[in-house]
Amino acid sequence: MTIRDAIDELGARVTHEEIARALGVSVASVRQYRLSPDAQAHRSPPPGWQKVLARLARQRGKELKALADRLEQT
């Protein structure tokens, strides 16, 4: 693994597309959830969104731990 690969993997984020897929909604809906509640286009997130995002966060955490393990083994 190169330093560039490691930095790219470390900086990778969960995308709006991945969140939309996990929630079963459109990317536009995800973007509207993020708007200020005062914004006219704001939408309330679907029920159970916390568990879905927690699952995505845990998955990202596993990916980061695996990266750390690979870096320490070299």
PDB file of N, CA and C in Angstrom:
ATOM      1  N   MET A   1       0.847  -1.164   0.000  1.00  0.00           N
ATOM      2  CA  MET A   1       0.000   0.000   0.000  1.00  0.00           C
ATOM      3  C   MET A   1       0.897   1.232   0.000  1.00  0.00           C
ATOM      4  N   THR A   2       0.538   2.200  -0.814  1.00  0.00           N
ATOM      5  CA  THR A   2       1.290   3.448  -0.857  1.00  0.00           C
ATOM      6  C   THR A   2       0.671   4.449   0.108  1.00  0.00           C
ATOM      7  N   ILE A   3       1.418   5.493   0.417  1.00  0.00           N
ATOM      8  CA  ILE A   3       0.877   6.528   1.301  1.00  0.00           C
ATOM      9  C   ILE A   3      -0.343   7.180   0.656  1.00  0.00           C
ATOM     10  N   ARG A   4      -0.306   7.329  -0.656  1.00  0.00           N
ATOM     11  CA  ARG A   4      -1.447   7.916  -1.360  1.00  0.00           C
ATOM     12  C   ARG A   4      -2.702   7.047  -1.174  1.00  0.00           C
ATOM     13  N   ASP A   5      -2.534   5.725  -1.341  1.00  0.00           N
ATOM     14  CA  ASP A   5      -3.666   4.810  -1.154  1.00  0.00           C
ATOM     15  C   ASP A   5      -4.198   4.887   0.276  1.00  0.00           C
ATOM     16  N   ALA A   6      -3.288   4.931   1.244  1.00  0.00           N
ATOM     17  CA  ALA A   6      -3.686   4.980   2.647  1.00  0.00           C
ATOM     18  C   ALA A   6      -4.442   6.270   2.959  1.00  0.00           C
ATOM     19  N   ILE A   7      -3.945   7.390   2.454  1.00  0.00           N
ATOM     20  CA  ILE A   7      -4.608   8.672   2.701  1.00  0.00           C
ATOM     21  C   ILE A   7      -5.977   8.706   2.020  1.00  0.00           C
ATOM     22  N   ASP A   8      -6.054   8.184   0.804  1.00  0.00           N
ATOM     23  CA  ASP A   8      -7.342   8.136   0.102  1.00  0.00           C
ATOM     24  C   ASP A   8      -8.354   7.286   0.868  1.00  0.00           C
ATOM     25  N   GLU A   9      -7.910   6.140   1.352  1.00  0.00           N
ATOM     26  CA  GLU A   9      -8.816   5.258   2.091  1.00  0.00           C
ATOM     27  C   GLU A   9      -9.219   5.877   3.426  1.00  0.00           C
ATOM     28  N   LEU A  10      -8.277   6.506   4.093  1.00  0.00           N
ATOM     29  CA  LEU A  10      -8.566   7.161   5.365  1.00  0.00           C
ATOM     30  C   LEU A  10      -9.561   8.304   5.176  1.00  0.00           C
ATOM     31  N   GLY A  11      -9.444   9.019   4.074  1.00  0.00           N
ATOM     32  CA  GLY A  11     -10.317  10.166   3.820  1.00  0.00           C
ATOM     33  C   GLY A  11     -11.636   9.823   3.159  1.00  0.00           C
ATOM     34  N   ALA A  12     -11.833   8.557   2.831  1.00  0.00           N
ATOM     35  CA  ALA A  12     -13.090   8.166   2.172  1.00  0.00           C
ATOM     36  C   ALA A  12     -14.255   8.405   3.125  1.00  0.00           C
ATOM     37  N   ARG A  13     -15.371   8.793   2.560  1.00  0.00           N
ATOM     38  CA  ARG A  13     -16.533   9.067   3.394  1.00  0.00           C
ATOM     39  C   ARG A  13     -17.726   8.275   2.897  1.00  0.00           C
ATOM     40  N   VAL A  14     -18.721   8.225   3.720  1.00  0.00           N
ATOM     41  CA  VAL A  14     -19.987   7.621   3.313  1.00  0.00           C
ATOM     42  C   VAL A  14     -20.692   8.667   2.447  1.00  0.00           C
ATOM     43  N   THR A  15     -21.056   8.285   1.241  1.00  0.00           N
ATOM     44  CA  THR A  15     -21.636   9.248   0.301  1.00  0.00           C
ATOM     45  C   THR A  15     -23.146   9.375   0.480  1.00  0.00           C
ATOM     46  N   HIS A  16     -23.668  10.445  -0.082  1.00  0.00           N
ATOM     47  CA  HIS A  16     -25.122  10.622  -0.079  1.00  0.00           C
ATOM     48  C   HIS A  16     -25.802   9.470  -0.805  1.00  0.00           C
ATOM     49  N   GLU A  17     -25.153   8.949  -1.832  1.00  0.00           N
ATOM     50  CA  GLU A  17     -25.715   7.831  -2.582  1.00  0.00           C
ATOM     51  C   GLU A  17     -25.844   6.588  -1.707  1.00  0.00           C
ATOM     52  N   GLU A  18     -24.797   6.304  -0.912  1.00  0.00           N
ATOM     53  CA  GLU A  18     -24.829   5.145  -0.018  1.00  0.00           C
ATOM     54  C   GLU A  18     -25.898   5.312   1.063  1.00  0.00           C
ATOM     55  N   ILE A  19     -26.023   6.524   1.586  1.00  0.00           N
ATOM     56  CA  ILE A  19     -27.032   6.793   2.606  1.00  0.00           C
ATOM     57  C   ILE A  19     -28.428   6.627   2.017  1.00  0.00           C
ATOM     58  N   ALA A  20     -28.626   7.167   0.819  1.00  0.00           N
ATOM     59  CA  ALA A  20     -29.930   7.053   0.158  1.00  0.00           C
ATOM     60  C   ALA A  20     -30.296   5.587  -0.057  1.00  0.00           C
ATOM     61  N   ARG A  21     -29.343   4.809  -0.522  1.00  0.00           N
ATOM     62  CA  ARG A  21     -29.586   3.381  -0.759  1.00  0.00           C
ATOM     63  C   ARG A  21     -29.956   2.680   0.547  1.00  0.00           C
ATOM     64  N   ALA A  22     -29.233   2.989   1.616  1.00  0.00           N
ATOM     65  CA  ALA A  22     -29.486   2.346   2.910  1.00  0.00           C
ATOM     66  C   ALA A  22     -30.844   2.739   3.482  1.00  0.00           C
ATOM     67  N   LEU A  23     -31.265   3.978   3.236  1.00  0.00           N
ATOM     68  CA  LEU A  23     -32.546   4.447   3.741  1.00  0.00           C
ATOM     69  C   LEU A  23     -33.709   4.101   2.811  1.00  0.00           C
ATOM     70  N   GLY A  24     -33.377   3.715   1.577  1.00  0.00           N
ATOM     71  CA  GLY A  24     -34.416   3.414   0.598  1.00  0.00           C
ATOM     72  C   GLY A  24     -35.107   4.657   0.074  1.00  0.00           C
ATOM     73  N   VAL A  25     -34.330   5.739  -0.056  1.00  0.00           N
ATOM     74  CA  VAL A  25     -34.871   7.010  -0.541  1.00  0.00           C
ATOM     75  C   VAL A  25     -33.974   7.534  -1.661  1.00  0.00           C
ATOM     76  N   SER A  26     -34.349   8.668  -2.220  1.00  0.00           N
ATOM     77  CA  SER A  26     -33.548   9.279  -3.277  1.00  0.00           C
ATOM     78  C   SER A  26     -32.413  10.111  -2.678  1.00  0.00           C
ATOM     79  N   VAL A  27     -31.406  10.374  -3.494  1.00  0.00           N
ATOM     80  CA  VAL A  27     -30.299  11.247  -3.078  1.00  0.00           C
ATOM     81  C   VAL A  27     -30.838  12.639  -2.787  1.00  0.00           C
ATOM     82  N   ALA A  28     -31.794  13.090  -3.585  1.00  0.00           N
ATOM     83  CA  ALA A  28     -32.392  14.414  -3.351  1.00  0.00           C
ATOM     84  C   ALA A  28     -33.023  14.480  -1.960  1.00  0.00           C
ATOM     85  N   SER A  29     -33.668  13.413  -1.539  1.00  0.00           N
ATOM     86  CA  SER A  29     -34.266  13.390  -0.196  1.00  0.00           C
ATOM     87  C   SER A  29     -33.192  13.523   0.877  1.00  0.00           C
ATOM     88  N   VAL A  30     -32.089  12.818   0.715  1.00  0.00           N
ATOM     89  CA  VAL A  30     -30.986  12.910   1.682  1.00  0.00           C
ATOM     90  C   VAL A  30     -30.503  14.345   1.775  1.00  0.00           C
ATOM     91  N   ARG A  31     -30.362  14.997   0.653  1.00  0.00           N
ATOM     92  CA  ARG A  31     -29.902  16.391   0.654  1.00  0.00           C
ATOM     93  C   ARG A  31     -30.930  17.298   1.324  1.00  0.00           C
ATOM     94  N   GLN A  32     -32.208  17.002   1.145  1.00  0.00           N
ATOM     95  CA  GLN A  32     -33.245  17.814   1.778  1.00  0.00           C
ATOM     96  C   GLN A  32     -33.281  17.595   3.286  1.00  0.00           C
ATOM     97  N   TYR A  33     -32.961  16.398   3.756  1.00  0.00           N
ATOM     98  CA  TYR A  33     -32.898  16.140   5.195  1.00  0.00           C
ATOM     99  C   TYR A  33     -31.843  17.025   5.849  1.00  0.00           C
ATOM    100  N   ARG A  34     -30.780  17.303   5.108  1.00  0.00           N
ATOM    101  CA  ARG A  34     -29.653  18.050   5.657  1.00  0.00           C
ATOM    102  C   ARG A  34     -29.911  19.552   5.727  1.00  0.00           C
ATOM    103  N   LEU A  35     -30.918  20.034   5.024  1.00  0.00           N
ATOM    104  CA  LEU A  35     -31.217  21.465   5.018  1.00  0.00           C
ATOM    105  C   LEU A  35     -31.679  21.927   6.398  1.00  0.00           C
ATOM    106  N   SER A  36     -31.526  23.215   6.634  1.00  0.00           N
ATOM    107  CA  SER A  36     -32.035  23.808   7.861  1.00  0.00           C
ATOM    108  C   SER A  36     -33.541  23.579   7.935  1.00  0.00           C
ATOM    109  N   PRO A  37     -34.045  23.281   9.117  1.00  0.00           N
ATOM    110  CA  PRO A  37     -35.493  23.093   9.247  1.00  0.00           C
ATOM    111  C   PRO A  37     -36.306  24.303   8.782  1.00  0.00           C
ATOM    112  N   ASP A  38     -35.675  25.465   8.737  1.00  0.00           N
ATOM    113  CA  ASP A  38     -36.359  26.675   8.274  1.00  0.00           C
ATOM    114  C   ASP A  38     -36.454  26.749   6.753  1.00  0.00           C
ATOM    115  N   ALA A  39     -35.647  25.965   6.064  1.00  0.00           N
ATOM    116  CA  ALA A  39     -35.636  26.003   4.600  1.00  0.00           C
ATOM    117  C   ALA A  39     -36.931  25.426   4.045  1.00  0.00           C
ATOM    118  N   GLN A  40     -37.427  26.038   2.996  1.00  0.00           N
ATOM    119  CA  GLN A  40     -38.691  25.610   2.408  1.00  0.00           C
ATOM    120  C   GLN A  40     -38.617  24.181   1.869  1.00  0.00           C
ATOM    121  N   ALA A  41     -37.457  23.781   1.371  1.00  0.00           N
ATOM    122  CA  ALA A  41     -37.306  22.445   0.783  1.00  0.00           C
ATOM    123  C   ALA A  41     -36.939  21.371   1.812  1.00  0.00           C
ATOM    124  N   HIS A  42     -36.787  21.755   3.085  1.00  0.00           N
ATOM    125  CA  HIS A  42     -36.413  20.780   4.125  1.00  0.00           C
ATOM    126  C   HIS A  42     -37.445  19.658   4.201  1.00  0.00           C
ATOM    127  N   ARG A  43     -36.955  18.444   4.406  1.00  0.00           N
ATOM    128  CA  ARG A  43     -37.824  17.282   4.634  1.00  0.00           C
ATOM    129  C   ARG A  43     -37.386  16.607   5.919  1.00  0.00           C
ATOM    130  N   SER A  44     -38.330  16.070   6.644  1.00  0.00           N
ATOM    131  CA  SER A  44     -38.004  15.307   7.854  1.00  0.00           C
ATOM    132  C   SER A  44     -37.516  13.923   7.445  1.00  0.00           C
ATOM    133  N   PRO A  45     -36.500  13.409   8.147  1.00  0.00           N
ATOM    134  CA  PRO A  45     -35.981  12.085   7.804  1.00  0.00           C
ATOM    135  C   PRO A  45     -36.992  10.995   8.124  1.00  0.00           C
ATOM    136  N   PRO A  46     -36.834   9.840   7.500  1.00  0.00           N
ATOM    137  CA  PRO A  46     -37.773   8.741   7.747  1.00  0.00           C
ATOM    138  C   PRO A  46     -37.569   8.148   9.140  1.00  0.00           C
ATOM    139  N   PRO A  47     -38.597   7.510   9.661  1.00  0.00           N
ATOM    140  CA  PRO A  47     -38.458   6.842  10.964  1.00  0.00           C
ATOM    141  C   PRO A  47     -37.356   5.785  10.898  1.00  0.00           C
ATOM    142  N   GLY A  48     -36.613   5.673  11.972  1.00  0.00           N
ATOM    143  CA  GLY A  48     -35.562   4.663  12.040  1.00  0.00           C
ATOM    144  C   GLY A  48     -34.248   5.067  11.402  1.00  0.00           C
ATOM    145  N   TRP A  49     -34.135   6.332  11.001  1.00  0.00           N
ATOM    146  CA  TRP A  49     -32.916   6.761  10.317  1.00  0.00           C
ATOM    147  C   TRP A  49     -31.679   6.607  11.203  1.00  0.00           C
ATOM    148  N   GLN A  50     -31.843   6.759  12.519  1.00  0.00           N
ATOM    149  CA  GLN A  50     -30.685   6.675  13.419  1.00  0.00           C
ATOM    150  C   GLN A  50     -30.034   5.296  13.351  1.00  0.00           C
ATOM    151  N   LYS A  51     -30.829   4.245  13.337  1.00  0.00           N
ATOM    152  CA  LYS A  51     -30.273   2.890  13.284  1.00  0.00           C
ATOM    153  C   LYS A  51     -29.562   2.633  11.968  1.00  0.00           C
ATOM    154  N   VAL A  52     -30.113   3.155  10.890  1.00  0.00           N
ATOM    155  CA  VAL A  52     -29.489   2.970   9.576  1.00  0.00           C
ATOM    156  C   VAL A  52     -28.137   3.671   9.535  1.00  0.00           C
ATOM    157  N   LEU A  53     -28.088   4.923  10.009  1.00  0.00           N
ATOM    158  CA  LEU A  53     -26.816   5.655   9.993  1.00  0.00           C
ATOM    159  C   LEU A  53     -25.824   5.061  10.992  1.00  0.00           C
ATOM    160  N   ALA A  54     -26.314   4.525  12.094  1.00  0.00           N
ATOM    161  CA  ALA A  54     -25.423   3.851  13.050  1.00  0.00           C
ATOM    162  C   ALA A  54     -24.770   2.641  12.391  1.00  0.00           C
ATOM    163  N   ARG A  55     -25.558   1.899  11.606  1.00  0.00           N
ATOM    164  CA  ARG A  55     -25.011   0.733  10.905  1.00  0.00           C
ATOM    165  C   ARG A  55     -23.932   1.162   9.904  1.00  0.00           C
ATOM    166  N   LEU A  56     -24.195   2.253   9.175  1.00  0.00           N
ATOM    167  CA  LEU A  56     -23.199   2.754   8.227  1.00  0.00           C
ATOM    168  C   LEU A  56     -21.938   3.227   8.958  1.00  0.00           C
ATOM    169  N   ALA A  57     -22.119   3.875  10.102  1.00  0.00           N
ATOM    170  CA  ALA A  57     -20.970   4.348  10.885  1.00  0.00           C
ATOM    171  C   ALA A  57     -20.137   3.175  11.395  1.00  0.00           C
ATOM    172  N   ARG A  58     -20.813   2.125  11.855  1.00  0.00           N
ATOM    173  CA  ARG A  58     -20.078   0.939  12.329  1.00  0.00           C
ATOM    174  C   ARG A  58     -19.304   0.282  11.192  1.00  0.00           C
ATOM    175  N   GLN A  59     -19.924   0.230  10.029  1.00  0.00           N
ATOM    176  CA  GLN A  59     -19.235  -0.344   8.869  1.00  0.00           C
ATOM    177  C   GLN A  59     -17.998   0.479   8.521  1.00  0.00           C
ATOM    178  N   ARG A  60     -18.131   1.810   8.535  1.00  0.00           N
ATOM    179  CA  ARG A  60     -16.990   2.674   8.231  1.00  0.00           C
ATOM    180  C   ARG A  60     -15.909   2.490   9.297  1.00  0.00           C
ATOM    181  N   GLY A  61     -16.339   2.325  10.548  1.00  0.00           N
ATOM    182  CA  GLY A  61     -15.383   2.087  11.629  1.00  0.00           C
ATOM    183  C   GLY A  61     -14.595   0.806  11.419  1.00  0.00           C
ATOM    184  N   LYS A  62     -15.276  -0.249  10.961  1.00  0.00           N
ATOM    185  CA  LYS A  62     -14.591  -1.512  10.661  1.00  0.00           C
ATOM    186  C   LYS A  62     -13.582  -1.327   9.538  1.00  0.00           C
ATOM    187  N   GLU A  63     -13.969  -0.540   8.536  1.00  0.00           N
ATOM    188  CA  GLU A  63     -13.060  -0.285   7.414  1.00  0.00           C
ATOM    189  C   GLU A  63     -11.825   0.472   7.887  1.00  0.00           C
ATOM    190  N   LEU A  64     -12.017   1.456   8.766  1.00  0.00           N
ATOM    191  CA  LEU A  64     -10.879   2.217   9.285  1.00  0.00           C
ATOM    192  C   LEU A  64      -9.992   1.353  10.177  1.00  0.00           C
ATOM    193  N   LYS A  65     -10.597   0.479  10.972  1.00  0.00           N
ATOM    194  CA  LYS A  65      -9.796  -0.424  11.807  1.00  0.00           C
ATOM    195  C   LYS A  65      -8.976  -1.359  10.935  1.00  0.00           C
ATOM    196  N   ALA A  66      -9.579  -1.874   9.856  1.00  0.00           N
ATOM    197  CA  ALA A  66      -8.853  -2.756   8.951  1.00  0.00           C
ATOM    198  C   ALA A  66      -7.690  -2.010   8.310  1.00  0.00           C
ATOM    199  N   LEU A  67      -7.894  -0.749   7.948  1.00  0.00           N
ATOM    200  CA  LEU A  67      -6.814   0.058   7.377  1.00  0.00           C
ATOM    201  C   LEU A  67      -5.691   0.220   8.408  1.00  0.00           C
ATOM    202  N   ALA A  68      -6.053   0.559   9.643  1.00  0.00           N
ATOM    203  CA  ALA A  68      -5.046   0.725  10.688  1.00  0.00           C
ATOM    204  C   ALA A  68      -4.252  -0.562  10.895  1.00  0.00           C
ATOM    205  N   ASP A  69      -4.945  -1.691  10.904  1.00  0.00           N
ATOM    206  CA  ASP A  69      -4.263  -2.982  11.071  1.00  0.00           C
ATOM    207  C   ASP A  69      -3.291  -3.242   9.929  1.00  0.00           C
ATOM    208  N   ARG A  70      -3.729  -2.969   8.690  1.00  0.00           N
ATOM    209  CA  ARG A  70      -2.845  -3.187   7.529  1.00  0.00           C
ATOM    210  C   ARG A  70      -1.626  -2.268   7.612  1.00  0.00           C
ATOM    211  N   LEU A  71      -1.823  -1.021   8.023  1.00  0.00           N
ATOM    212  CA  LEU A  71      -0.704  -0.084   8.100  1.00  0.00           C
ATOM    213  C   LEU A  71       0.285  -0.503   9.177  1.00  0.00           C
ATOM    214  N   GLU A  72      -0.203  -1.003  10.296  1.00  0.00           N
ATOM    215  CA  GLU A  72       0.686  -1.418  11.382  1.00  0.00           C
ATOM    216  C   GLU A  72       1.458  -2.683  11.042  1.00  0.00           C
ATOM    217  N   GLN A  73       0.923  -3.496  10.138  1.00  0.00           N
ATOM    218  CA  GLN A  73       1.590  -4.751   9.772  1.00  0.00           C
ATOM    219  C   GLN A  73       2.693  -4.561   8.731  1.00  0.00           C
ATOM    220  N   THR A  74       2.799  -3.363   8.190  1.00  0.00           N
ATOM    221  CA  THR A  74       3.841  -3.140   7.173  1.00  0.00           C
ATOM    222  C   THR A  74       5.054  -2.498   7.750  1.00  0.00           C
TER     223      THR A  74
END
